[in-house]
Amino acid sequence: MDTIRRRRFVQVAGGGLVVALAGCTDGDAEGEDDHGDHDGQDEDEGDEEGDEPGSEGLLYAFAPETTALIDPEAGEVVDELDAGGEWGDPRITRGGSRILVNEGTAAQVVVIDTEARKVASEVDVGPDPTHIYNPVEGEVWSHSDAEGAFYVIDTEELEVVDVVEAGLESEGHGKLLSHPDLDSKAYAMNVNDAAGLVIDLEARERVEEFLLEGEGGTHYKAYAPESGLAYFQRAGEPDGTDVIDTATDEVVDRLELSGGMYLSPDEELLGLLDEEGVHFIDATSEESEIVASIELEGEPGALRYHEGDDGRYGFTTNTTTPDVSVLDLEGFEEVERIETGETEGEYRAGVASGGYFATTADADGTVAIVDMDARELAAEVEVSEGVDTLQFVGGEGTSGVGYTGQ
């Protein structure tokens, strides 16, 4: 596979917002990102072979020249795949037998058989695929930013079965927001479109759009199931976040905050990250009340939650400082900083599973493993320069984040 690495950016017209597409955060899997944010996964496919090595509990780390399999408990690389590229979002099937990950250089979704630890297939999709979702059982939707469209892949047949034209201008960086409570209704985000784009997941088409104030498009997104409210971050002018009543598709409120959003596993808190820190919104309230704000140095880029023996904590990756912040989510304060290595300043991935929080240091070519209970660095694992994408396979505990429409 071609391993040429390209950095991609979107300059949003009129807004001055620059989005590093290789490092969007969510819960997607976006991945905000959607990166490493994998609730709502589809059913497992593929055969189980007793003599295959398997990947249970392992962390896949994707770099431009290689893909490393890390044992977080041992703190070491236990295997490698001859698979490199310009990686976007990964998505894993519910049983964990397959990882599907966007690769931008060849415009493909690479399918990894985690039981055999090998690349099983490469599915051609549209140019510039960044984010990938599985809103429907047995399907993943890979977004082509060059076309503003989702390529729908059957996860059993491993082939494209449909293309959904989501963007109004047939181009633009996009995301997808869905939730079981919304049934077949979903929303597409697009940085070029000042509109809410309503997608019918069963019909696989855009069925409606409703205009938003100003000229800026939409980017980060979240849904609070208790209140039935959706949150659309505006990409450009006006700056801020529109609050949408999903029953009527009307804007009912506006937050003067803008950034990636992460729902807590109990769906009570919505953490919104901006350059100044983290703001926690009451996700059960129709008023979207801000419960607390924690100022952080370093521009936090990803957030995961953890229920420890002595309380609830948050772990944020920081973009411009070589560390992770530990947040006390009862006293709402920063209580620790853990050195995790240098990045190039665009984005630092962060994922959690089995009591471990993992983050990348692309400038150093390493992956840091943090013990979330001990709140300390457990290991710093050498992978390869440019490593920037992570995916856990199995592992006890949650992914450290609530359902974000994956």
Protein backbone atom coordinates (compact mmCIF):
# COMPACT_ATOMS: atom_id res chain seq x y z
CA MET A 1 0.00 0.00 0.00
CA ASP A 2 1.23 3.52 -0.78
CA THR A 3 2.45 5.05 2.46
CA ILE A 4 2.85 8.68 1.37
CA ARG A 5 1.48 10.86 4.15
CA ARG A 6 -0.47 14.02 3.41
CA ARG A 7 -1.75 16.59 5.91
CA ARG A 8 -5.12 17.96 4.95
CA PHE A 9 -6.79 21.15 6.14
CA VAL A 10 -10.04 22.95 5.50
CA GLN A 11 -10.18 26.74 5.61
CA VAL A 12 -13.77 27.63 6.33
CA ALA A 13 -14.80 30.61 4.25
CA GLY A 14 -15.42 33.75 6.24
CA GLY A 15 -14.86 32.09 9.59
CA GLY A 16 -11.12 31.84 9.93
CA LEU A 17 -11.44 28.33 11.34
CA VAL A 18 -8.80 25.86 10.22
CA VAL A 19 -9.70 22.22 10.73
CA ALA A 20 -6.98 19.57 10.71
CA LEU A 21 -8.81 16.75 9.03
CA ALA A 22 -6.26 14.17 10.02
CA GLY A 23 -7.09 15.05 13.59
CA CYS A 24 -10.76 15.86 14.07
CA THR A 25 -12.03 14.97 17.50
CA ASP A 26 -15.51 13.63 18.53
CA GLY A 27 -16.93 10.93 19.70
CA ASP A 28 -16.96 10.13 16.60
CA ALA A 29 -15.17 8.92 15.94
CA GLU A 30 -15.64 11.15 14.81
CA GLY A 31 -13.32 10.66 16.32
CA GLU A 32 -14.88 12.76 16.91
CA ASP A 33 -13.41 12.19 16.24
CA ASP A 34 -14.43 10.64 15.94
CA HIS A 35 -11.21 8.76 16.42
CA GLY A 36 -11.33 5.78 18.73
CA ASP A 37 -14.90 6.39 19.80
CA HIS A 38 -16.81 3.20 19.08
CA ASP A 39 -20.15 2.81 20.76
CA GLY A 40 -23.10 1.59 18.68
CA GLN A 41 -20.98 -0.97 16.89
CA ASP A 42 -22.54 -3.36 14.42
CA GLU A 43 -22.72 -7.11 14.82
CA ASP A 44 -19.64 -9.27 14.51
CA GLU A 45 -18.97 -11.05 11.25
CA GLY A 46 -16.30 -13.52 10.20
CA ASP A 47 -15.25 -16.99 11.25
CA GLU A 48 -13.54 -17.78 14.51
CA GLU A 49 -10.52 -20.04 14.24
CA GLY A 50 -9.18 -21.54 17.43
CA ASP A 51 -5.61 -21.61 16.13
CA GLU A 52 -5.56 -17.93 15.15
CA PRO A 53 -3.68 -15.55 17.47
CA GLY A 54 -6.57 -13.13 18.05
CA SER A 55 -6.35 -9.55 19.31
CA GLU A 56 -8.44 -9.48 22.50
CA GLY A 57 -7.30 -6.66 24.76
CA LEU A 58 -4.76 -5.34 22.26
CA LEU A 59 -4.36 -1.79 20.99
CA TYR A 60 -3.88 -1.21 17.26
CA ALA A 61 -1.65 1.81 16.55
CA PHE A 62 -1.67 3.11 12.98
CA ALA A 63 1.34 4.97 11.54
CA PRO A 64 2.31 6.05 8.00
CA GLU A 65 4.73 3.13 7.60
CA THR A 66 3.25 0.38 9.76
CA THR A 67 0.46 -0.78 12.06
CA ALA A 68 1.59 -2.00 15.48
CA LEU A 69 -0.31 -4.26 17.88
CA ILE A 70 0.35 -3.24 21.48
CA ASP A 71 -0.31 -5.20 24.65
CA PRO A 72 -1.17 -2.35 27.05
CA GLU A 73 -0.61 -4.45 30.16
CA ALA A 74 2.86 -5.53 29.06
CA GLY A 75 3.58 -2.14 27.53
CA GLU A 76 5.12 -3.53 24.35
CA VAL A 77 4.51 -4.22 20.66
CA VAL A 78 3.56 -7.88 20.21
CA ASP A 79 2.97 -7.90 16.45
CA GLU A 80 3.06 -5.68 13.36
CA LEU A 81 1.13 -5.48 10.11
CA ASP A 82 2.70 -4.38 6.86
CA ALA A 83 0.03 -1.72 6.50
CA GLY A 84 0.77 2.00 6.44
CA GLY A 85 -0.92 5.05 5.05
CA GLU A 86 -2.74 8.27 5.70
CA TRP A 87 -5.17 7.02 8.31
CA GLY A 88 -8.58 8.43 9.12
CA ASP A 89 -11.13 6.97 11.51
CA PRO A 90 -11.15 3.29 12.47
CA ARG A 91 -14.36 1.40 13.24
CA ILE A 92 -14.59 -2.04 14.87
CA THR A 93 -17.37 -4.62 14.64
CA ARG A 94 -19.14 -5.45 17.88
CA GLY A 95 -17.52 -8.85 18.35
CA GLY A 96 -14.18 -7.32 17.53
CA SER A 97 -13.28 -9.59 14.61
CA ARG A 98 -12.80 -6.75 12.12
CA ILE A 99 -11.46 -3.22 12.12
CA LEU A 100 -12.43 -1.02 9.19
CA VAL A 101 -10.24 2.06 8.85
CA ASN A 102 -10.19 4.90 6.33
CA GLU A 103 -6.97 5.31 4.33
CA GLY A 104 -6.72 8.53 2.34
CA THR A 105 -3.80 7.98 -0.03
CA ALA A 106 -5.52 5.18 -1.94
CA ALA A 107 -9.08 6.33 -1.03
CA GLN A 108 -9.93 3.00 0.56
CA VAL A 109 -11.38 1.45 3.67
CA VAL A 110 -8.84 -1.11 4.87
CA VAL A 111 -10.39 -4.14 6.58
CA ILE A 112 -8.30 -5.89 9.24
CA ASP A 113 -9.09 -9.41 10.44
CA THR A 114 -8.24 -9.14 14.13
CA GLU A 115 -8.42 -12.89 14.71
CA ALA A 116 -5.77 -13.61 12.07
CA ARG A 117 -4.00 -10.24 12.54
CA LYS A 118 -3.91 -9.48 8.83
CA VAL A 119 -5.39 -7.17 6.21
CA ALA A 120 -8.42 -9.02 4.86
CA SER A 121 -9.63 -6.58 2.21
CA GLU A 122 -9.39 -3.06 0.80
CA VAL A 123 -12.64 -1.41 -0.29
CA ASP A 124 -12.48 1.52 -2.71
CA VAL A 125 -14.42 4.61 -1.61
CA GLY A 126 -14.51 8.29 -2.58
CA PRO A 127 -11.48 10.61 -2.31
CA ASP A 128 -10.37 12.02 1.05
CA PRO A 129 -12.17 9.62 3.41
CA THR A 130 -11.77 10.86 6.99
CA HIS A 131 -14.65 9.84 9.25
CA ILE A 132 -16.45 6.50 9.33
CA TYR A 133 -19.60 5.42 11.19
CA ASN A 134 -21.82 2.38 11.73
CA PRO A 135 -25.31 3.80 12.22
CA VAL A 136 -27.03 0.67 10.86
CA GLU A 137 -26.30 -2.92 11.86
CA GLY A 138 -24.19 -4.58 9.20
CA GLU A 139 -23.14 -1.30 7.55
CA VAL A 140 -20.38 1.26 7.90
CA TRP A 141 -20.62 4.70 6.32
CA SER A 142 -17.33 6.22 5.15
CA HIS A 143 -17.44 9.94 4.34
CA SER A 144 -15.64 11.24 1.26
CA ASP A 145 -14.76 14.87 1.97
CA ALA A 146 -14.00 15.51 -1.71
CA GLU A 147 -17.55 14.49 -2.65
CA GLY A 148 -19.52 15.38 0.48
CA ALA A 149 -20.97 11.87 0.36
CA PHE A 150 -21.11 8.69 2.45
CA TYR A 151 -20.02 5.38 0.93
CA VAL A 152 -22.10 2.63 2.54
CA ILE A 153 -20.18 -0.63 2.98
CA ASP A 154 -21.79 -3.99 3.75
CA THR A 155 -19.62 -5.33 6.57
CA GLU A 156 -20.25 -8.96 5.62
CA GLU A 157 -19.76 -8.74 1.86
CA LEU A 158 -17.12 -5.99 2.22
CA GLU A 159 -18.35 -4.00 -0.75
CA VAL A 160 -19.95 -0.60 -1.36
CA VAL A 161 -23.72 -1.02 -1.63
CA ASP A 162 -24.77 2.63 -1.88
CA VAL A 163 -23.54 6.23 -1.99
CA VAL A 164 -25.45 8.86 -0.01
CA GLU A 165 -25.08 12.43 -1.28
CA ALA A 166 -25.23 14.32 2.00
CA GLY A 167 -23.62 17.71 1.30
CA LEU A 168 -25.49 20.43 -0.57
CA GLU A 169 -22.46 21.31 -2.72
CA SER A 170 -21.22 17.74 -3.32
CA GLU A 171 -18.05 18.45 -1.33
CA GLY A 172 -16.88 19.36 2.16
CA HIS A 173 -15.58 17.74 5.32
CA GLY A 174 -18.45 15.88 6.95
CA LYS A 175 -19.63 13.85 9.91
CA LEU A 176 -22.75 11.87 10.87
CA LEU A 177 -24.87 12.06 14.02
CA SER A 178 -27.23 9.18 14.81
CA HIS A 179 -28.69 7.48 17.89
CA PRO A 180 -31.06 4.54 18.50
CA ASP A 181 -33.60 6.98 20.00
CA LEU A 182 -33.77 8.75 16.64
CA ASP A 183 -34.59 5.49 14.80
CA SER A 184 -33.72 5.85 11.11
CA LYS A 185 -33.24 9.61 11.33
CA ALA A 186 -29.72 11.02 11.37
CA TYR A 187 -27.98 14.32 10.74
CA ALA A 188 -25.04 14.96 8.46
CA MET A 189 -22.55 17.72 9.26
CA ASN A 190 -20.69 19.58 6.53
CA VAL A 191 -18.32 22.52 7.00
CA ASN A 192 -19.60 24.07 3.75
CA ASP A 193 -23.33 23.97 4.49
CA ALA A 194 -25.14 26.40 6.82
CA ALA A 195 -27.92 23.88 7.28
CA GLY A 196 -29.05 20.85 9.20
CA LEU A 197 -28.91 17.92 6.79
CA VAL A 198 -31.47 15.23 7.64
CA ILE A 199 -30.56 11.70 6.52
CA ASP A 200 -32.91 8.72 6.30
CA LEU A 201 -30.67 5.77 7.22
CA GLU A 202 -33.05 3.16 5.83
CA ALA A 203 -33.67 4.94 2.52
CA ARG A 204 -29.99 5.97 2.41
CA GLU A 205 -30.69 9.50 1.23
CA ARG A 206 -30.84 13.11 2.37
CA VAL A 207 -34.53 13.80 2.82
CA GLU A 208 -34.57 17.32 4.20
CA GLU A 209 -32.46 20.31 5.12
CA PHE A 210 -33.22 23.24 7.43
CA LEU A 211 -31.32 26.50 7.24
CA LEU A 212 -29.17 27.79 10.08
CA GLU A 213 -28.24 31.38 10.85
CA GLY A 214 -25.19 32.83 9.10
CA GLU A 215 -22.92 31.35 6.47
CA GLY A 216 -20.78 28.91 8.45
CA GLY A 217 -21.29 25.19 8.10
CA THR A 218 -21.39 22.53 10.83
CA HIS A 219 -18.66 20.32 12.23
CA TYR A 220 -18.56 18.77 15.72
CA LYS A 221 -21.82 17.29 16.97
CA ALA A 222 -23.49 15.52 19.89
CA TYR A 223 -26.88 14.19 20.99
CA ALA A 224 -28.28 14.15 24.53
CA PRO A 225 -30.91 11.36 24.69
CA GLU A 226 -32.43 12.52 28.00
CA SER A 227 -33.35 15.96 26.65
CA GLY A 228 -33.71 15.02 22.99
CA LEU A 229 -31.41 17.89 22.02
CA ALA A 230 -28.71 17.80 19.37
CA TYR A 231 -25.70 20.10 19.36
CA PHE A 232 -24.20 21.40 16.11
CA GLN A 233 -20.91 23.27 16.35
CA ARG A 234 -20.76 25.98 13.71
CA ALA A 235 -17.72 25.97 11.43
CA GLY A 236 -17.18 29.66 10.79
CA GLU A 237 -19.62 32.54 11.34
CA PRO A 238 -21.53 32.70 13.56
CA ASP A 239 -19.14 31.11 16.05
CA GLY A 240 -20.68 28.88 18.72
CA THR A 241 -22.96 25.86 18.95
CA ASP A 242 -26.59 25.62 17.83
CA VAL A 243 -28.93 23.57 20.03
CA ILE A 244 -31.52 21.66 17.99
CA ASP A 245 -34.82 20.15 19.14
CA THR A 246 -34.72 16.86 17.24
CA ALA A 247 -38.52 16.51 17.40
CA THR A 248 -39.05 19.70 15.39
CA ASP A 249 -35.61 20.36 13.84
CA GLU A 250 -35.74 23.90 15.20
CA VAL A 251 -32.89 25.83 16.78
CA VAL A 252 -33.99 26.36 20.39
CA ASP A 253 -30.81 27.72 21.95
CA ARG A 254 -27.30 28.84 21.19
CA LEU A 255 -24.11 28.29 23.18
CA GLU A 256 -21.25 30.77 22.94
CA LEU A 257 -18.87 27.81 23.04
CA SER A 258 -17.30 25.94 20.16
CA GLY A 259 -15.40 22.66 20.05
CA GLY A 260 -15.48 18.87 20.17
CA MET A 261 -18.13 17.27 22.38
CA TYR A 262 -18.01 14.09 24.50
CA LEU A 263 -21.00 12.55 26.30
CA SER A 264 -20.34 10.76 29.58
CA PRO A 265 -21.15 7.01 29.72
CA ASP A 266 -24.13 7.69 32.02
CA GLU A 267 -25.31 10.33 29.51
CA GLU A 268 -25.58 13.02 32.20
CA LEU A 269 -22.64 15.24 31.27
CA LEU A 270 -21.58 16.63 27.92
CA GLY A 271 -17.97 17.79 27.87
CA LEU A 272 -17.21 20.50 25.31
CA LEU A 273 -13.54 21.15 24.56
CA ASP A 274 -12.19 24.47 23.31
CA GLU A 275 -8.80 26.17 23.30
CA GLU A 276 -9.27 27.34 26.88
CA GLY A 277 -10.30 24.07 28.52
CA VAL A 278 -13.35 21.85 29.10
CA HIS A 279 -16.91 23.02 29.74
CA PHE A 280 -19.39 20.52 31.20
CA ILE A 281 -23.02 20.83 30.17
CA ASP A 282 -25.96 19.20 31.95
CA ALA A 283 -27.04 16.73 29.25
CA THR A 284 -30.32 16.01 31.06
CA SER A 285 -31.45 19.65 30.99
CA GLU A 286 -33.47 21.31 28.25
CA GLU A 287 -31.69 24.54 29.19
CA SER A 288 -28.22 23.12 28.41
CA GLU A 289 -26.93 24.50 31.70
CA ILE A 290 -23.15 24.74 32.04
CA VAL A 291 -22.34 22.86 35.25
CA ALA A 292 -18.66 23.76 35.44
CA SER A 293 -15.66 24.84 33.38
CA ILE A 294 -12.05 23.76 33.89
CA GLU A 295 -9.31 25.91 32.41
CA LEU A 296 -6.52 23.89 30.81
CA GLU A 297 -3.25 24.83 29.20
CA GLY A 298 -2.44 23.03 25.97
CA GLU A 299 -5.69 23.03 23.95
CA PRO A 300 -7.40 19.75 24.91
CA GLY A 301 -8.20 17.54 21.93
CA ALA A 302 -9.98 14.44 23.25
CA LEU A 303 -11.79 13.46 26.46
CA ARG A 304 -12.49 10.12 28.13
CA TYR A 305 -14.34 9.46 31.39
CA HIS A 306 -13.36 6.95 34.09
CA GLU A 307 -15.16 5.76 37.22
CA GLY A 308 -12.40 5.13 39.76
CA ASP A 309 -12.62 3.69 43.25
CA ASP A 310 -12.35 7.20 44.67
CA GLY A 311 -14.57 9.08 42.23
CA ARG A 312 -15.13 10.05 38.61
CA TYR A 313 -12.25 11.37 36.53
CA GLY A 314 -11.70 12.74 33.07
CA PHE A 315 -8.60 12.30 30.93
CA THR A 316 -7.86 14.80 28.17
CA THR A 317 -5.16 14.74 25.54
CA ASN A 318 -3.48 18.11 25.04
CA THR A 319 -2.51 19.35 21.60
CA THR A 320 0.20 21.94 22.28
CA THR A 321 1.75 20.48 25.43
CA PRO A 322 3.40 17.02 25.73
CA ASP A 323 0.99 15.66 28.29
CA VAL A 324 -2.42 14.42 29.39
CA SER A 325 -4.57 16.23 31.95
CA VAL A 326 -6.39 14.34 34.71
CA LEU A 327 -9.63 16.01 35.83
CA ASP A 328 -11.55 15.47 39.07
CA LEU A 329 -15.16 15.49 37.86
CA GLU A 330 -16.62 15.85 41.33
CA GLY A 331 -14.62 18.90 42.35
CA PHE A 332 -14.25 19.93 38.68
CA GLU A 333 -10.56 20.72 38.76
CA GLU A 334 -7.35 19.58 37.12
CA VAL A 335 -5.50 17.34 39.57
CA GLU A 336 -2.62 15.86 37.56
CA ARG A 337 -0.53 16.18 34.39
CA ILE A 338 1.12 13.10 32.92
CA GLU A 339 3.96 13.42 30.39
CA THR A 340 3.08 11.48 27.23
CA GLY A 341 5.43 12.75 24.51
CA GLU A 342 5.55 15.37 21.77
CA THR A 343 3.11 15.95 18.92
CA GLU A 344 3.35 18.10 15.83
CA GLY A 345 0.65 20.34 17.24
CA GLU A 346 -2.29 19.27 15.07
CA TYR A 347 -4.05 16.63 17.14
CA ARG A 348 -3.40 14.01 19.79
CA ALA A 349 -5.62 10.92 19.72
CA GLY A 350 -7.00 9.49 22.95
CA VAL A 351 -8.86 6.21 23.53
CA ALA A 352 -9.72 4.13 26.60
CA SER A 353 -10.47 0.49 27.42
CA GLY A 354 -9.81 -1.99 30.20
CA GLY A 355 -8.70 0.69 32.65
CA TYR A 356 -6.09 2.10 30.27
CA PHE A 357 -6.01 5.46 28.49
CA ALA A 358 -3.82 5.51 25.39
CA THR A 359 -2.59 8.50 23.42
CA THR A 360 -0.20 9.14 20.56
CA ALA A 361 2.96 11.23 20.28
CA ASP A 362 3.40 11.44 16.52
CA ALA A 363 6.58 13.54 16.67
CA ASP A 364 8.24 10.95 18.93
CA GLY A 365 6.72 7.95 17.17
CA THR A 366 5.41 6.58 20.46
CA VAL A 367 2.16 5.58 22.16
CA ALA A 368 1.72 6.35 25.85
CA ILE A 369 -0.30 3.98 28.05
CA VAL A 370 -1.80 5.56 31.18
CA ASP A 371 -3.16 3.51 34.09
CA MET A 372 -6.46 5.29 34.78
CA ASP A 373 -6.87 3.97 38.33
CA ALA A 374 -3.32 4.82 39.39
CA ARG A 375 -3.42 7.98 37.25
CA GLU A 376 0.16 7.48 36.14
CA LEU A 377 2.15 6.57 33.03
CA ALA A 378 2.31 2.78 32.72
CA ALA A 379 4.38 2.56 29.51
CA GLU A 380 5.71 4.52 26.56
CA VAL A 381 5.80 2.23 23.53
CA GLU A 382 7.90 2.90 20.42
CA VAL A 383 5.90 2.44 17.21
CA SER A 384 6.91 4.64 14.27
CA GLU A 385 7.12 8.35 13.50
CA GLY A 386 3.73 9.83 12.64
CA VAL A 387 1.63 7.36 14.64
CA ASP A 388 -1.69 9.15 15.14
CA THR A 389 -4.60 6.69 15.10
CA LEU A 390 -5.60 4.13 17.75
CA GLN A 391 -8.15 1.34 18.17
CA PHE A 392 -8.64 -1.00 21.13
CA VAL A 393 -9.97 -4.53 20.57
CA GLY A 394 -12.12 -5.81 23.42
CA GLY A 395 -10.94 -5.25 26.95
CA GLU A 396 -13.02 -4.99 30.08
CA GLY A 397 -14.83 -1.76 30.87
CA THR A 398 -16.24 0.93 28.61
CA SER A 399 -14.66 3.05 25.93
CA GLY A 400 -14.70 5.93 28.40
CA VAL A 401 -17.32 7.91 26.52
CA GLY A 402 -21.07 7.79 25.94
CA TYR A 403 -22.89 7.12 22.68
CA THR A 404 -22.00 9.85 20.20
CA GLY A 405 -23.81 8.68 17.12
CA GLN A 406 -21.32 6.20 15.72
